[in-house]
Amino acid sequence: MGLPVLATDAGDIGLVLEECQAGLTVPEIGDPDAFEAAYEKWRKDLPFYSAKARQSSAEIRRRFSSETIAEQYADSWERAMTEFA
């Protein structure tokens, strides 16, 4: 959506943020000090993350669209059926 992110590293969030530089992950879940440090760094770099988020928005939406994910599942099932049939 073109918005900078501060999140825990669940699923592909860390990978996507590392690739597109559109935000930051909190390194330790449940650690208020780690969250505060991550927030302060994120807030300091917010103009950078905002610009990168806007730049990457279309690609991220395409990459995680229902059509793209459905194609990946279909390809995976086709490979499995071919390999193990």
PDB file of N, CA and C in Angstrom:
ATOM      1  N   MET A   1       0.811  -1.188   0.000  1.00  0.00           N
ATOM      2  CA  MET A   1       0.000   0.000   0.000  1.00  0.00           C
ATOM      3  C   MET A   1       0.863   1.265   0.000  1.00  0.00           C
ATOM      4  N   GLY A   2       2.161   1.099  -0.070  1.00  0.00           N
ATOM      5  CA  GLY A   2       3.034   2.260  -0.116  1.00  0.00           C
ATOM      6  C   GLY A   2       3.306   2.880   1.231  1.00  0.00           C
ATOM      7  N   LEU A   3       3.077   2.120   2.310  1.00  0.00           N
ATOM      8  CA  LEU A   3       3.300   2.641   3.653  1.00  0.00           C
ATOM      9  C   LEU A   3       4.505   1.969   4.292  1.00  0.00           C
ATOM     10  N   PRO A   4       5.314   2.714   5.032  1.00  0.00           N
ATOM     11  CA  PRO A   4       6.463   2.113   5.718  1.00  0.00           C
ATOM     12  C   PRO A   4       5.988   1.196   6.850  1.00  0.00           C
ATOM     13  N   VAL A   5       6.775   0.183   7.157  1.00  0.00           N
ATOM     14  CA  VAL A   5       6.361  -0.856   8.090  1.00  0.00           C
ATOM     15  C   VAL A   5       7.324  -0.964   9.262  1.00  0.00           C
ATOM     16  N   LEU A   6       6.758  -1.175  10.446  1.00  0.00           N
ATOM     17  CA  LEU A   6       7.491  -1.616  11.624  1.00  0.00           C
ATOM     18  C   LEU A   6       6.725  -2.825  12.123  1.00  0.00           C
ATOM     19  N   ALA A   7       7.360  -4.007  12.112  1.00  0.00           N
ATOM     20  CA  ALA A   7       6.632  -5.239  12.423  1.00  0.00           C
ATOM     21  C   ALA A   7       7.564  -6.269  13.044  1.00  0.00           C
ATOM     22  N   THR A   8       6.957  -7.289  13.633  1.00  0.00           N
ATOM     23  CA  THR A   8       7.739  -8.445  14.042  1.00  0.00           C
ATOM     24  C   THR A   8       8.036  -9.260  12.789  1.00  0.00           C
ATOM     25  N   ASP A   9       9.033 -10.108  12.861  1.00  0.00           N
ATOM     26  CA  ASP A   9       9.468 -10.870  11.690  1.00  0.00           C
ATOM     27  C   ASP A   9       8.676 -12.169  11.582  1.00  0.00           C
ATOM     28  N   ALA A  10       7.468 -12.062  11.028  1.00  0.00           N
ATOM     29  CA  ALA A  10       6.609 -13.229  10.827  1.00  0.00           C
ATOM     30  C   ALA A  10       6.428 -13.448   9.335  1.00  0.00           C
ATOM     31  N   GLY A  11       6.374 -14.707   8.937  1.00  0.00           N
ATOM     32  CA  GLY A  11       6.193 -15.011   7.514  1.00  0.00           C
ATOM     33  C   GLY A  11       7.334 -14.417   6.696  1.00  0.00           C
ATOM     34  N   ASP A  12       6.979 -13.780   5.595  1.00  0.00           N
ATOM     35  CA  ASP A  12       7.980 -13.175   4.702  1.00  0.00           C
ATOM     36  C   ASP A  12       8.202 -11.691   4.962  1.00  0.00           C
ATOM     37  N   ILE A  13       7.690 -11.169   6.071  1.00  0.00           N
ATOM     38  CA  ILE A  13       7.807  -9.731   6.323  1.00  0.00           C
ATOM     39  C   ILE A  13       9.261  -9.290   6.357  1.00  0.00           C
ATOM     40  N   GLY A  14      10.095  -9.980   7.118  1.00  0.00           N
ATOM     41  CA  GLY A  14      11.511  -9.607   7.206  1.00  0.00           C
ATOM     42  C   GLY A  14      12.205  -9.668   5.860  1.00  0.00           C
ATOM     43  N   LEU A  15      11.932 -10.713   5.098  1.00  0.00           N
ATOM     44  CA  LEU A  15      12.526 -10.878   3.772  1.00  0.00           C
ATOM     45  C   LEU A  15      12.124  -9.724   2.854  1.00  0.00           C
ATOM     46  N   VAL A  16      10.841  -9.409   2.832  1.00  0.00           N
ATOM     47  CA  VAL A  16      10.355  -8.340   1.952  1.00  0.00           C
ATOM     48  C   VAL A  16      10.924  -6.995   2.370  1.00  0.00           C
ATOM     49  N   LEU A  17      10.938  -6.728   3.669  1.00  0.00           N
ATOM     50  CA  LEU A  17      11.473  -5.443   4.127  1.00  0.00           C
ATOM     51  C   LEU A  17      12.967  -5.327   3.842  1.00  0.00           C
ATOM     52  N   GLU A  18      13.673  -6.419   3.956  1.00  0.00           N
ATOM     53  CA  GLU A  18      15.108  -6.397   3.635  1.00  0.00           C
ATOM     54  C   GLU A  18      15.320  -6.117   2.149  1.00  0.00           C
ATOM     55  N   GLU A  19      14.524  -6.761   1.304  1.00  0.00           N
ATOM     56  CA  GLU A  19      14.660  -6.574  -0.143  1.00  0.00           C
ATOM     57  C   GLU A  19      14.283  -5.171  -0.594  1.00  0.00           C
ATOM     58  N   CYS A  20      13.174  -4.647  -0.085  1.00  0.00           N
ATOM     59  CA  CYS A  20      12.692  -3.357  -0.591  1.00  0.00           C
ATOM     60  C   CYS A  20      13.055  -2.187   0.312  1.00  0.00           C
ATOM     61  N   GLN A  21      13.561  -2.457   1.485  1.00  0.00           N
ATOM     62  CA  GLN A  21      13.994  -1.424   2.432  1.00  0.00           C
ATOM     63  C   GLN A  21      12.860  -0.471   2.802  1.00  0.00           C
ATOM     64  N   ALA A  22      11.649  -1.003   2.907  1.00  0.00           N
ATOM     65  CA  ALA A  22      10.474  -0.180   3.185  1.00  0.00           C
ATOM     66  C   ALA A  22      10.072  -0.204   4.653  1.00  0.00           C
ATOM     67  N   GLY A  23      10.948  -0.652   5.512  1.00  0.00           N
ATOM     68  CA  GLY A  23      10.633  -0.670   6.926  1.00  0.00           C
ATOM     69  C   GLY A  23      11.620  -1.500   7.708  1.00  0.00           C
ATOM     70  N   LEU A  24      11.211  -1.829   8.905  1.00  0.00           N
ATOM     71  CA  LEU A  24      12.124  -2.454   9.856  1.00  0.00           C
ATOM     72  C   LEU A  24      11.374  -3.512  10.649  1.00  0.00           C
ATOM     73  N   THR A  25      12.070  -4.572  11.045  1.00  0.00           N
ATOM     74  CA  THR A  25      11.465  -5.567  11.922  1.00  0.00           C
ATOM     75  C   THR A  25      12.005  -5.382  13.335  1.00  0.00           C
ATOM     76  N   VAL A  26      11.165  -5.706  14.308  1.00  0.00           N
ATOM     77  CA  VAL A  26      11.566  -5.688  15.713  1.00  0.00           C
ATOM     78  C   VAL A  26      12.284  -6.999  15.978  1.00  0.00           C
ATOM     79  N   PRO A  27      13.524  -6.945  16.472  1.00  0.00           N
ATOM     80  CA  PRO A  27      14.315  -8.168  16.584  1.00  0.00           C
ATOM     81  C   PRO A  27      13.852  -9.152  17.657  1.00  0.00           C
ATOM     82  N   GLU A  28      13.219  -8.673  18.725  1.00  0.00           N
ATOM     83  CA  GLU A  28      12.827  -9.556  19.826  1.00  0.00           C
ATOM     84  C   GLU A  28      11.360  -9.341  20.161  1.00  0.00           C
ATOM     85  N   ILE A  29      10.565 -10.362  19.980  1.00  0.00           N
ATOM     86  CA  ILE A  29       9.144 -10.273  20.318  1.00  0.00           C
ATOM     87  C   ILE A  29       9.009 -10.294  21.840  1.00  0.00           C
ATOM     88  N   GLY A  30       8.197  -9.403  22.366  1.00  0.00           N
ATOM     89  CA  GLY A  30       7.939  -9.371  23.800  1.00  0.00           C
ATOM     90  C   GLY A  30       8.971  -8.613  24.607  1.00  0.00           C
ATOM     91  N   ASP A  31       9.931  -7.975  23.966  1.00  0.00           N
ATOM     92  CA  ASP A  31      10.956  -7.204  24.668  1.00  0.00           C
ATOM     93  C   ASP A  31      10.677  -5.723  24.443  1.00  0.00           C
ATOM     94  N   PRO A  32      10.123  -5.034  25.443  1.00  0.00           N
ATOM     95  CA  PRO A  32       9.772  -3.629  25.260  1.00  0.00           C
ATOM     96  C   PRO A  32      10.966  -2.747  24.892  1.00  0.00           C
ATOM     97  N   ASP A  33      12.136  -3.055  25.424  1.00  0.00           N
ATOM     98  CA  ASP A  33      13.323  -2.253  25.102  1.00  0.00           C
ATOM     99  C   ASP A  33      13.721  -2.433  23.639  1.00  0.00           C
ATOM    100  N   ALA A  34      13.639  -3.657  23.142  1.00  0.00           N
ATOM    101  CA  ALA A  34      13.952  -3.915  21.736  1.00  0.00           C
ATOM    102  C   ALA A  34      12.932  -3.220  20.836  1.00  0.00           C
ATOM    103  N   PHE A  35      11.666  -3.254  21.238  1.00  0.00           N
ATOM    104  CA  PHE A  35      10.638  -2.573  20.452  1.00  0.00           C
ATOM    105  C   PHE A  35      10.884  -1.071  20.427  1.00  0.00           C
ATOM    106  N   GLU A  36      11.195  -0.505  21.583  1.00  0.00           N
ATOM    107  CA  GLU A  36      11.447   0.944  21.644  1.00  0.00           C
ATOM    108  C   GLU A  36      12.644   1.334  20.786  1.00  0.00           C
ATOM    109  N   ALA A  37      13.714   0.560  20.851  1.00  0.00           N
ATOM    110  CA  ALA A  37      14.911   0.855  20.041  1.00  0.00           C
ATOM    111  C   ALA A  37      14.584   0.759  18.555  1.00  0.00           C
ATOM    112  N   ALA A  38      13.842  -0.284  18.168  1.00  0.00           N
ATOM    113  CA  ALA A  38      13.466  -0.439  16.762  1.00  0.00           C
ATOM    114  C   ALA A  38      12.568   0.712  16.320  1.00  0.00           C
ATOM    115  N   TYR A  39      11.628   1.095  17.183  1.00  0.00           N
ATOM    116  CA  TYR A  39      10.731   2.201  16.846  1.00  0.00           C
ATOM    117  C   TYR A  39      11.508   3.505  16.649  1.00  0.00           C
ATOM    118  N   GLU A  40      12.433   3.777  17.538  1.00  0.00           N
ATOM    119  CA  GLU A  40      13.218   5.012  17.426  1.00  0.00           C
ATOM    120  C   GLU A  40      14.035   5.034  16.134  1.00  0.00           C
ATOM    121  N   LYS A  41      14.647   3.904  15.780  1.00  0.00           N
ATOM    122  CA  LYS A  41      15.403   3.835  14.528  1.00  0.00           C
ATOM    123  C   LYS A  41      14.456   4.002  13.340  1.00  0.00           C
ATOM    124  N   TRP A  42      13.313   3.312  13.373  1.00  0.00           N
ATOM    125  CA  TRP A  42      12.325   3.402  12.302  1.00  0.00           C
ATOM    126  C   TRP A  42      11.838   4.839  12.140  1.00  0.00           C
ATOM    127  N   ARG A  43      11.524   5.485  13.257  1.00  0.00           N
ATOM    128  CA  ARG A  43      11.029   6.860  13.208  1.00  0.00           C
ATOM    129  C   ARG A  43      12.088   7.818  12.657  1.00  0.00           C
ATOM    130  N   LYS A  44      13.346   7.618  13.057  1.00  0.00           N
ATOM    131  CA  LYS A  44      14.442   8.468  12.566  1.00  0.00           C
ATOM    132  C   LYS A  44      14.599   8.327  11.057  1.00  0.00           C
ATOM    133  N   ASP A  45      14.418   7.117  10.551  1.00  0.00           N
ATOM    134  CA  ASP A  45      14.605   6.839   9.123  1.00  0.00           C
ATOM    135  C   ASP A  45      13.290   6.824   8.350  1.00  0.00           C
ATOM    136  N   LEU A  46      12.230   7.318   8.936  1.00  0.00           N
ATOM    137  CA  LEU A  46      10.907   7.259   8.325  1.00  0.00           C
ATOM    138  C   LEU A  46      10.838   7.869   6.922  1.00  0.00           C
ATOM    139  N   PRO A  47      11.480   9.011   6.646  1.00  0.00           N
ATOM    140  CA  PRO A  47      11.423   9.531   5.269  1.00  0.00           C
ATOM    141  C   PRO A  47      12.002   8.542   4.243  1.00  0.00           C
ATOM    142  N   PHE A  48      13.100   7.881   4.598  1.00  0.00           N
ATOM    143  CA  PHE A  48      13.708   6.885   3.710  1.00  0.00           C
ATOM    144  C   PHE A  48      12.753   5.716   3.501  1.00  0.00           C
ATOM    145  N   TYR A  49      12.231   5.158   4.613  1.00  0.00           N
ATOM    146  CA  TYR A  49      11.322   4.016   4.513  1.00  0.00           C
ATOM    147  C   TYR A  49      10.059   4.378   3.733  1.00  0.00           C
ATOM    148  N   SER A  50       9.555   5.586   3.930  1.00  0.00           N
ATOM    149  CA  SER A  50       8.352   6.028   3.208  1.00  0.00           C
ATOM    150  C   SER A  50       8.603   6.075   1.706  1.00  0.00           C
ATOM    151  N   ALA A  51       9.737   6.637   1.313  1.00  0.00           N
ATOM    152  CA  ALA A  51      10.064   6.716  -0.118  1.00  0.00           C
ATOM    153  C   ALA A  51      10.222   5.325  -0.714  1.00  0.00           C
ATOM    154  N   LYS A  52      10.918   4.450  -0.017  1.00  0.00           N
ATOM    155  CA  LYS A  52      11.106   3.080  -0.515  1.00  0.00           C
ATOM    156  C   LYS A  52       9.781   2.322  -0.579  1.00  0.00           C
ATOM    157  N   ALA A  53       8.909   2.548   0.397  1.00  0.00           N
ATOM    158  CA  ALA A  53       7.601   1.878   0.394  1.00  0.00           C
ATOM    159  C   ALA A  53       6.790   2.309  -0.821  1.00  0.00           C
ATOM    160  N   ARG A  54       6.798   3.584  -1.128  1.00  0.00           N
ATOM    161  CA  ARG A  54       6.066   4.059  -2.312  1.00  0.00           C
ATOM    162  C   ARG A  54       6.666   3.469  -3.583  1.00  0.00           C
ATOM    163  N   GLN A  55       7.998   3.412  -3.659  1.00  0.00           N
ATOM    164  CA  GLN A  55       8.673   2.850  -4.840  1.00  0.00           C
ATOM    165  C   GLN A  55       8.335   1.372  -5.034  1.00  0.00           C
ATOM    166  N   SER A  56       8.231   0.635  -3.963  1.00  0.00           N
ATOM    167  CA  SER A  56       8.068  -0.826  -4.017  1.00  0.00           C
ATOM    168  C   SER A  56       6.624  -1.285  -4.009  1.00  0.00           C
ATOM    169  N   SER A  57       5.705  -0.389  -3.813  1.00  0.00           N
ATOM    170  CA  SER A  57       4.305  -0.739  -3.598  1.00  0.00           C
ATOM    171  C   SER A  57       3.733  -1.649  -4.683  1.00  0.00           C
ATOM    172  N   ALA A  58       3.869  -1.273  -5.928  1.00  0.00           N
ATOM    173  CA  ALA A  58       3.271  -2.062  -7.016  1.00  0.00           C
ATOM    174  C   ALA A  58       3.876  -3.467  -7.081  1.00  0.00           C
ATOM    175  N   GLU A  59       5.180  -3.575  -6.923  1.00  0.00           N
ATOM    176  CA  GLU A  59       5.837  -4.881  -6.991  1.00  0.00           C
ATOM    177  C   GLU A  59       5.409  -5.768  -5.824  1.00  0.00           C
ATOM    178  N   ILE A  60       5.317  -5.211  -4.646  1.00  0.00           N
ATOM    179  CA  ILE A  60       4.898  -6.006  -3.482  1.00  0.00           C
ATOM    180  C   ILE A  60       3.455  -6.472  -3.653  1.00  0.00           C
ATOM    181  N   ARG A  61       2.569  -5.598  -4.120  1.00  0.00           N
ATOM    182  CA  ARG A  61       1.174  -6.008  -4.358  1.00  0.00           C
ATOM    183  C   ARG A  61       1.110  -7.112  -5.406  1.00  0.00           C
ATOM    184  N   ARG A  62       1.917  -7.008  -6.464  1.00  0.00           N
ATOM    185  CA  ARG A  62       1.930  -8.045  -7.489  1.00  0.00           C
ATOM    186  C   ARG A  62       2.444  -9.356  -6.915  1.00  0.00           C
ATOM    187  N   ARG A  63       3.528  -9.270  -6.169  1.00  0.00           N
ATOM    188  CA  ARG A  63       4.178 -10.461  -5.622  1.00  0.00           C
ATOM    189  C   ARG A  63       3.266 -11.236  -4.673  1.00  0.00           C
ATOM    190  N   PHE A  64       2.439 -10.536  -3.920  1.00  0.00           N
ATOM    191  CA  PHE A  64       1.589 -11.184  -2.930  1.00  0.00           C
ATOM    192  C   PHE A  64       0.109 -11.151  -3.303  1.00  0.00           C
ATOM    193  N   SER A  65      -0.177 -10.904  -4.570  1.00  0.00           N
ATOM    194  CA  SER A  65      -1.571 -10.893  -5.012  1.00  0.00           C
ATOM    195  C   SER A  65      -2.142 -12.304  -4.948  1.00  0.00           C
ATOM    196  N   SER A  66      -3.462 -12.394  -4.881  1.00  0.00           N
ATOM    197  CA  SER A  66      -4.093 -13.714  -4.851  1.00  0.00           C
ATOM    198  C   SER A  66      -3.801 -14.487  -6.130  1.00  0.00           C
ATOM    199  N   GLU A  67      -3.691 -13.776  -7.262  1.00  0.00           N
ATOM    200  CA  GLU A  67      -3.382 -14.458  -8.522  1.00  0.00           C
ATOM    201  C   GLU A  67      -1.980 -15.073  -8.495  1.00  0.00           C
ATOM    202  N   THR A  68      -1.008 -14.309  -8.018  1.00  0.00           N
ATOM    203  CA  THR A  68       0.369 -14.817  -7.961  1.00  0.00           C
ATOM    204  C   THR A  68       0.471 -15.999  -7.012  1.00  0.00           C
ATOM    205  N   ILE A  69      -0.139 -15.879  -5.834  1.00  0.00           N
ATOM    206  CA  ILE A  69      -0.085 -16.964  -4.853  1.00  0.00           C
ATOM    207  C   ILE A  69      -0.804 -18.202  -5.386  1.00  0.00           C
ATOM    208  N   ALA A  70      -1.947 -18.011  -6.043  1.00  0.00           N
ATOM    209  CA  ALA A  70      -2.679 -19.143  -6.622  1.00  0.00           C
ATOM    210  C   ALA A  70      -1.831 -19.849  -7.676  1.00  0.00           C
ATOM    211  N   GLU A  71      -1.133 -19.084  -8.511  1.00  0.00           N
ATOM    212  CA  GLU A  71      -0.245 -19.679  -9.524  1.00  0.00           C
ATOM    213  C   GLU A  71       0.864 -20.489  -8.859  1.00  0.00           C
ATOM    214  N   GLN A  72       1.427 -19.965  -7.786  1.00  0.00           N
ATOM    215  CA  GLN A  72       2.494 -20.682  -7.083  1.00  0.00           C
ATOM    216  C   GLN A  72       1.980 -21.989  -6.490  1.00  0.00           C
ATOM    217  N   TYR A  73       0.785 -21.955  -5.902  1.00  0.00           N
ATOM    218  CA  TYR A  73       0.194 -23.198  -5.384  1.00  0.00           C
ATOM    219  C   TYR A  73      -0.074 -24.187  -6.516  1.00  0.00           C
ATOM    220  N   ALA A  74      -0.633 -23.721  -7.600  1.00  0.00           N
ATOM    221  CA  ALA A  74      -0.928 -24.610  -8.725  1.00  0.00           C
ATOM    222  C   ALA A  74       0.353 -25.235  -9.272  1.00  0.00           C
ATOM    223  N   ASP A  75       1.397 -24.434  -9.436  1.00  0.00           N
ATOM    224  CA  ASP A  75       2.685 -24.961  -9.908  1.00  0.00           C
ATOM    225  C   ASP A  75       3.231 -26.003  -8.941  1.00  0.00           C
ATOM    226  N   SER A  76       3.127 -25.721  -7.650  1.00  0.00           N
ATOM    227  CA  SER A  76       3.627 -26.649  -6.637  1.00  0.00           C
ATOM    228  C   SER A  76       2.889 -27.985  -6.699  1.00  0.00           C
ATOM    229  N   TRP A  77       1.553 -27.927  -6.803  1.00  0.00           N
ATOM    230  CA  TRP A  77       0.772 -29.154  -6.891  1.00  0.00           C
ATOM    231  C   TRP A  77       1.069 -29.911  -8.178  1.00  0.00           C
ATOM    232  N   GLU A  78       1.216 -29.201  -9.283  1.00  0.00           N
ATOM    233  CA  GLU A  78       1.546 -29.852 -10.565  1.00  0.00           C
ATOM    234  C   GLU A  78       2.890 -30.571 -10.470  1.00  0.00           C
ATOM    235  N   ARG A  79       3.897 -29.919  -9.904  1.00  0.00           N
ATOM    236  CA  ARG A  79       5.211 -30.566  -9.742  1.00  0.00           C
ATOM    237  C   ARG A  79       5.112 -31.789  -8.855  1.00  0.00           C
ATOM    238  N   ALA A  80       4.368 -31.671  -7.745  1.00  0.00           N
ATOM    239  CA  ALA A  80       4.221 -32.798  -6.827  1.00  0.00           C
ATOM    240  C   ALA A  80       3.518 -33.966  -7.506  1.00  0.00           C
ATOM    241  N   MET A  81       2.457 -33.693  -8.253  1.00  0.00           N
ATOM    242  CA  MET A  81       1.722 -34.768  -8.924  1.00  0.00           C
ATOM    243  C   MET A  81       2.575 -35.426 -10.001  1.00  0.00           C
ATOM    244  N   THR A  82       3.383 -34.640 -10.707  1.00  0.00           N
ATOM    245  CA  THR A  82       4.247 -35.185 -11.747  1.00  0.00           C
ATOM    246  C   THR A  82       5.359 -36.029 -11.132  1.00  0.00           C
ATOM    247  N   GLU A  83       5.946 -35.503 -10.070  1.00  0.00           N
ATOM    248  CA  GLU A  83       7.076 -36.190  -9.437  1.00  0.00           C
ATOM    249  C   GLU A  83       6.655 -37.456  -8.698  1.00  0.00           C
ATOM    250  N   PHE A  84       5.512 -37.443  -8.064  1.00  0.00           N
ATOM    251  CA  PHE A  84       5.122 -38.572  -7.201  1.00  0.00           C
ATOM    252  C   PHE A  84       3.988 -39.411  -7.782  1.00  0.00           C
ATOM    253  N   ALA A  85       3.612 -39.182  -9.033  1.00  0.00           N
ATOM    254  CA  ALA A  85       2.523 -39.963  -9.630  1.00  0.00           C
ATOM    255  C   ALA A  85       3.023 -41.265 -10.204  1.00  0.00           C
TER     256      ALA A  85
END
